[in-house]
Amino acid sequence: MVKDSSEMGEVMARDFVEEIKQANHDGRSIRAIVPCGPKCWYAPFARMVNHEKVSLKSLTVFHMDECLDWQGELLARNDPYNFRTFMETYFYGNILPEFSVPVPQRFFPELRLIDLIKGRIAEAPIDITLGGWGQDGHIAYNQARRHPFSKISIEDLRNSGLRIQENNLDTIIALGQRSFGAAYQFVPPMSITLGIKECLSAKKIRLYSDTGSWKQTALRIGLFSEVTAEYPITLLQNHPDALITATIETASHPISEHPEWEFKGINV
């Protein structure tokens, strides 16, 4: 646990920088799955890379996910939910050119590149997956599948791959509340995401959240529940090297603070 968003950003940036520095020291390439968010780590990451002169020339980045419109098309470049625009501005944009990740080593998911990205990921192990989690414990955009006529098992979820999908209504409502004053109409209805199989294939997984109440239940279930397809984050329990970092607010929970409340059959 960390105190606040600022401290978490420093921890997340340092974790990634040290992985890159170790690979550079060993004279090997490094392959990472990188999220769009949380926002607090981009400035510290750029500061550390530039100040410590950390070369990113051997880094290959597979971006986790991207939002799509109702026809499965990429969003406009200036859309606030265009992840590529955000990453090019805040992740790549503040790195000095002499240290930056070469453009051919940046893989942004889109429909026409699904086979290419799957093939590139399969070429060699992923060293580290960085990420967060959603209100239902989704990693990347691997949400709990809520289709009434199409259920999936834990193994189905565990073996899911890069794909496009419709976003769950609860995801849309949560993002609308978080970003648009509950104007859910502005939230992209579809997404393209690396699957759980790709995300969990990494040697190390590091998840972070400073979002507070939106992530509290998912965190508790991820830590203390049995593995369940209803909360994909629970699959981290089976990974040999997974670490979750959360702010104190995110790690708390109102139900746990009120022992006088009784919810039969529910432990949070």
Protein backbone atom coordinates (compact mmCIF):
# COMPACT_ATOMS: atom_id res chain seq x y z
CA MET A 1 0.00 0.00 0.00
CA VAL A 2 1.07 3.57 -0.68
CA LYS A 3 -0.15 6.85 0.77
CA ASP A 4 -1.58 8.54 -2.30
CA SER A 5 -1.54 8.89 -6.06
CA SER A 6 1.72 10.81 -6.10
CA GLU A 7 3.57 8.13 -4.18
CA MET A 8 2.06 5.41 -6.33
CA GLY A 9 3.20 7.14 -9.51
CA GLU A 10 6.76 7.19 -8.23
CA VAL A 11 6.60 3.50 -7.30
CA MET A 12 5.14 2.44 -10.65
CA ALA A 13 7.66 4.47 -12.64
CA ARG A 14 10.56 3.18 -10.57
CA ASP A 15 9.43 -0.44 -10.93
CA PHE A 16 9.44 -0.15 -14.72
CA VAL A 17 12.66 1.86 -14.95
CA GLU A 18 14.53 -0.70 -12.86
CA GLU A 19 13.32 -3.53 -15.10
CA ILE A 20 14.59 -1.66 -18.16
CA LYS A 21 17.92 -0.77 -16.52
CA GLN A 22 18.49 -4.40 -15.55
CA ALA A 23 17.82 -5.54 -19.13
CA ASN A 24 20.21 -2.90 -20.45
CA HIS A 25 22.84 -4.01 -17.95
CA ASP A 26 22.39 -7.63 -19.06
CA GLY A 27 22.64 -6.65 -22.73
CA ARG A 28 19.21 -8.06 -23.59
CA SER A 29 15.99 -6.73 -25.02
CA ILE A 30 12.91 -6.24 -22.87
CA ARG A 31 9.29 -6.77 -23.88
CA ALA A 32 6.49 -5.16 -21.88
CA ILE A 33 2.71 -4.88 -21.90
CA VAL A 34 1.88 -1.31 -20.92
CA PRO A 35 -1.48 0.24 -19.96
CA CYS A 36 -3.04 3.62 -20.66
CA GLY A 37 -3.20 4.67 -17.03
CA PRO A 38 -3.08 5.29 -14.20
CA LYS A 39 -2.02 8.81 -15.13
CA CYS A 40 0.18 9.44 -12.12
CA TRP A 41 3.25 7.54 -13.38
CA TYR A 42 4.00 9.18 -16.72
CA ALA A 43 5.74 12.32 -15.45
CA PRO A 44 7.92 10.41 -12.95
CA PHE A 45 8.79 7.85 -15.62
CA ALA A 46 9.91 10.52 -18.09
CA ARG A 47 11.88 12.32 -15.37
CA MET A 48 13.70 9.14 -14.33
CA VAL A 49 14.47 8.06 -17.91
CA ASN A 50 15.75 11.48 -18.95
CA HIS A 51 17.66 12.30 -15.76
CA GLU A 52 19.21 8.84 -15.35
CA LYS A 53 19.85 8.49 -19.10
CA VAL A 54 18.01 5.18 -19.39
CA SER A 55 17.92 3.98 -22.99
CA LEU A 56 14.60 2.57 -24.16
CA LYS A 57 16.06 1.45 -27.49
CA SER A 58 15.80 -2.25 -26.55
CA LEU A 59 12.24 -1.93 -25.22
CA THR A 60 9.30 -3.32 -27.18
CA VAL A 61 5.91 -2.08 -25.97
CA PHE A 62 2.63 -3.90 -26.51
CA HIS A 63 -0.15 -1.49 -25.57
CA MET A 64 -2.89 -3.19 -23.60
CA ASP A 65 -6.09 -1.95 -25.16
CA GLU A 66 -7.92 0.71 -27.12
CA CYS A 67 -11.44 2.11 -27.17
CA LEU A 68 -13.64 1.72 -30.26
CA ASP A 69 -16.88 3.26 -31.50
CA TRP A 70 -20.13 1.32 -31.95
CA GLN A 71 -18.92 -0.08 -35.30
CA GLY A 72 -15.61 -1.28 -33.91
CA GLU A 73 -13.67 1.58 -35.51
CA LEU A 74 -10.88 3.58 -33.88
CA LEU A 75 -11.90 6.83 -32.21
CA ALA A 76 -10.97 10.26 -33.52
CA ARG A 77 -7.45 11.34 -32.58
CA ASN A 78 -8.79 14.11 -30.31
CA ASP A 79 -11.32 11.92 -28.50
CA PRO A 80 -10.57 11.91 -24.74
CA TYR A 81 -10.80 8.11 -24.77
CA ASN A 82 -8.31 7.64 -27.61
CA PHE A 83 -5.62 5.75 -25.72
CA ARG A 84 -3.05 5.98 -28.50
CA THR A 85 -3.21 9.77 -28.55
CA PHE A 86 -2.85 9.84 -24.78
CA MET A 87 0.14 7.51 -24.77
CA GLU A 88 1.92 9.31 -27.60
CA THR A 89 1.49 12.54 -25.66
CA TYR A 90 2.22 11.51 -22.08
CA PHE A 91 4.16 8.24 -22.26
CA TYR A 92 6.35 8.79 -25.34
CA GLY A 93 6.08 12.55 -25.73
CA ASN A 94 8.14 13.57 -22.71
CA ILE A 95 11.07 11.21 -23.34
CA LEU A 96 14.14 12.76 -24.93
CA PRO A 97 14.61 11.47 -28.51
CA GLU A 98 17.99 9.90 -27.75
CA PHE A 99 16.38 7.57 -25.19
CA SER A 100 12.97 6.94 -26.78
CA VAL A 101 11.40 3.63 -27.80
CA PRO A 102 11.87 3.18 -31.59
CA VAL A 103 8.56 3.60 -33.40
CA PRO A 104 8.64 0.08 -34.98
CA GLN A 105 8.75 -1.34 -31.43
CA ARG A 106 5.46 0.27 -30.39
CA PHE A 107 2.39 -1.92 -30.98
CA PHE A 108 -1.03 -0.31 -30.59
CA PRO A 109 -3.98 -2.73 -30.90
CA GLU A 110 -6.42 -2.31 -33.74
CA LEU A 111 -8.51 -4.71 -35.78
CA ARG A 112 -6.23 -4.88 -38.82
CA LEU A 113 -3.20 -5.69 -36.63
CA ILE A 114 -4.65 -8.52 -34.53
CA ASP A 115 -2.77 -11.32 -36.28
CA LEU A 116 0.45 -9.32 -36.44
CA ILE A 117 0.40 -8.45 -32.73
CA LYS A 118 -0.51 -11.99 -31.71
CA GLY A 119 2.43 -13.26 -33.73
CA ARG A 120 4.87 -10.73 -32.28
CA ILE A 121 3.81 -11.53 -28.72
CA ALA A 122 4.23 -15.24 -29.39
CA GLU A 123 7.81 -14.76 -30.66
CA ALA A 124 9.36 -14.49 -27.19
CA PRO A 125 8.33 -14.23 -23.55
CA ILE A 126 6.89 -11.00 -22.19
CA ASP A 127 9.10 -9.73 -19.37
CA ILE A 128 6.57 -7.62 -17.50
CA THR A 129 2.89 -6.68 -17.66
CA LEU A 130 2.00 -3.35 -16.08
CA GLY A 131 -1.62 -2.43 -15.53
CA GLY A 132 -4.51 -1.54 -13.32
CA TRP A 133 -7.91 -3.14 -12.81
CA GLY A 134 -11.49 -2.16 -13.41
CA GLN A 135 -14.56 -2.06 -11.20
CA ASP A 136 -15.18 -5.75 -11.97
CA GLY A 137 -11.50 -6.59 -11.67
CA HIS A 138 -10.87 -6.50 -15.40
CA ILE A 139 -7.24 -6.54 -16.49
CA ALA A 140 -6.74 -4.63 -19.73
CA TYR A 141 -10.34 -4.70 -21.05
CA ASN A 142 -10.92 -8.33 -20.06
CA GLN A 143 -14.25 -7.68 -18.39
CA ALA A 144 -16.47 -10.26 -16.73
CA ARG A 145 -18.61 -11.60 -19.58
CA ARG A 146 -22.26 -10.71 -18.89
CA HIS A 147 -23.96 -11.91 -22.08
CA PRO A 148 -27.09 -13.83 -20.98
CA PHE A 149 -26.75 -16.49 -23.67
CA SER A 150 -22.96 -16.90 -23.80
CA LYS A 151 -21.31 -17.95 -20.58
CA ILE A 152 -17.60 -18.63 -20.27
CA SER A 153 -15.65 -20.73 -17.82
CA ILE A 154 -12.57 -19.75 -15.85
CA GLU A 155 -10.47 -21.66 -18.38
CA ASP A 156 -12.12 -19.80 -21.26
CA LEU A 157 -11.21 -16.52 -19.60
CA ARG A 158 -7.68 -17.70 -18.77
CA ASN A 159 -7.07 -18.61 -22.43
CA SER A 160 -8.72 -15.53 -23.96
CA GLY A 161 -6.69 -13.71 -26.59
CA LEU A 162 -6.49 -10.38 -28.39
CA ARG A 163 -9.99 -9.49 -29.60
CA ILE A 164 -12.63 -6.79 -30.06
CA GLN A 165 -15.72 -6.77 -27.84
CA GLU A 166 -18.70 -4.79 -26.64
CA ASN A 167 -18.13 -3.17 -23.27
CA ASN A 168 -20.28 -4.16 -20.32
CA LEU A 169 -22.99 -1.74 -19.24
CA ASP A 170 -21.52 -1.48 -15.74
CA THR A 171 -18.14 -0.58 -17.25
CA ILE A 172 -19.76 2.14 -19.34
CA ILE A 173 -21.66 3.53 -16.34
CA ALA A 174 -18.56 3.46 -14.13
CA LEU A 175 -16.42 5.22 -16.76
CA GLY A 176 -19.18 7.76 -17.40
CA GLN A 177 -19.34 8.59 -13.70
CA ARG A 178 -15.57 8.80 -13.47
CA SER A 179 -14.85 10.83 -16.60
CA PHE A 180 -17.98 12.59 -17.88
CA GLY A 181 -20.09 13.52 -14.87
CA ALA A 182 -22.19 10.36 -15.38
CA ALA A 183 -22.76 11.17 -19.08
CA TYR A 184 -22.50 7.50 -20.09
CA GLN A 185 -23.43 8.44 -23.67
CA PHE A 186 -19.89 9.69 -24.24
CA VAL A 187 -18.17 6.46 -23.16
CA PRO A 188 -16.95 4.30 -26.08
CA PRO A 189 -19.22 1.24 -26.33
CA MET A 190 -16.60 -1.17 -27.68
CA SER A 191 -12.93 -1.95 -27.16
CA ILE A 192 -10.03 -4.03 -28.42
CA THR A 193 -7.90 -5.71 -25.78
CA LEU A 194 -5.04 -8.07 -25.25
CA GLY A 195 -6.45 -11.22 -23.70
CA ILE A 196 -5.83 -12.63 -20.27
CA LYS A 197 -3.60 -15.22 -21.93
CA GLU A 198 -1.26 -12.54 -23.26
CA CYS A 199 -1.33 -10.38 -20.11
CA LEU A 200 -0.67 -13.26 -17.73
CA SER A 201 2.02 -14.78 -19.95
CA ALA A 202 4.53 -12.23 -18.61
CA LYS A 203 7.25 -13.31 -16.19
CA LYS A 204 6.17 -10.50 -13.86
CA ILE A 205 2.81 -8.79 -13.40
CA ARG A 206 2.54 -5.47 -11.59
CA LEU A 207 -0.88 -3.86 -11.09
CA TYR A 208 -1.51 -0.42 -9.58
CA SER A 209 -4.52 1.68 -8.65
CA ASP A 210 -5.11 5.08 -7.08
CA THR A 211 -8.78 5.28 -8.03
CA GLY A 212 -10.28 4.76 -4.57
CA SER A 213 -13.87 3.59 -4.15
CA TRP A 214 -14.28 2.50 -7.76
CA LYS A 215 -11.72 -0.29 -7.26
CA GLN A 216 -12.21 -1.24 -3.60
CA THR A 217 -14.47 -4.28 -3.98
CA ALA A 218 -12.53 -5.69 -6.94
CA LEU A 219 -9.29 -5.44 -4.96
CA ARG A 220 -10.75 -7.27 -1.96
CA ILE A 221 -12.18 -10.01 -4.15
CA GLY A 222 -8.93 -10.30 -6.07
CA LEU A 223 -7.06 -10.88 -2.83
CA PHE A 224 -9.47 -13.01 -0.83
CA SER A 225 -11.99 -14.72 -3.15
CA GLU A 226 -11.69 -18.02 -4.92
CA VAL A 227 -10.75 -17.69 -8.59
CA THR A 228 -13.87 -16.66 -10.51
CA ALA A 229 -14.63 -15.51 -14.05
CA GLU A 230 -16.85 -12.82 -12.52
CA TYR A 231 -13.68 -11.02 -11.36
CA PRO A 232 -10.76 -11.64 -13.78
CA ILE A 233 -8.25 -10.15 -11.31
CA THR A 234 -8.59 -13.33 -9.23
CA LEU A 235 -6.56 -15.19 -11.89
CA LEU A 236 -3.47 -13.39 -10.61
CA GLN A 237 -3.57 -15.75 -7.63
CA ASN A 238 -2.19 -18.48 -9.91
CA HIS A 239 0.70 -16.40 -11.25
CA PRO A 240 4.18 -17.00 -9.79
CA ASP A 241 5.21 -13.33 -9.64
CA ALA A 242 2.29 -10.91 -9.33
CA LEU A 243 2.23 -7.81 -7.13
CA ILE A 244 -0.59 -5.34 -6.55
CA THR A 245 0.06 -1.78 -5.35
CA ALA A 246 -2.85 0.35 -4.17
CA THR A 247 -3.36 3.61 -2.34
CA ILE A 248 -4.67 3.35 1.22
CA GLU A 249 -8.05 4.66 0.04
CA THR A 250 -8.28 1.96 -2.63
CA ALA A 251 -7.29 -0.73 -0.15
CA SER A 252 -9.98 0.28 2.34
CA HIS A 253 -13.65 -0.67 2.11
CA PRO A 254 -16.74 0.82 3.82
CA ILE A 255 -18.20 -2.58 4.66
CA SER A 256 -15.02 -3.67 6.44
CA GLU A 257 -15.22 -0.52 8.57
CA HIS A 258 -18.74 -1.28 9.81
CA PRO A 259 -18.87 -4.60 11.65
CA GLU A 260 -22.41 -3.73 12.72
CA TRP A 261 -23.56 -4.12 9.11
CA GLU A 262 -24.60 -7.68 8.37
CA PHE A 263 -24.59 -9.08 4.86
CA LYS A 264 -25.31 -12.78 4.99
CA GLY A 265 -23.02 -14.82 2.76
CA ILE A 266 -20.90 -11.85 1.68
CA ASN A 267 -17.40 -11.21 3.01
CA VAL A 268 -15.57 -8.12 1.80
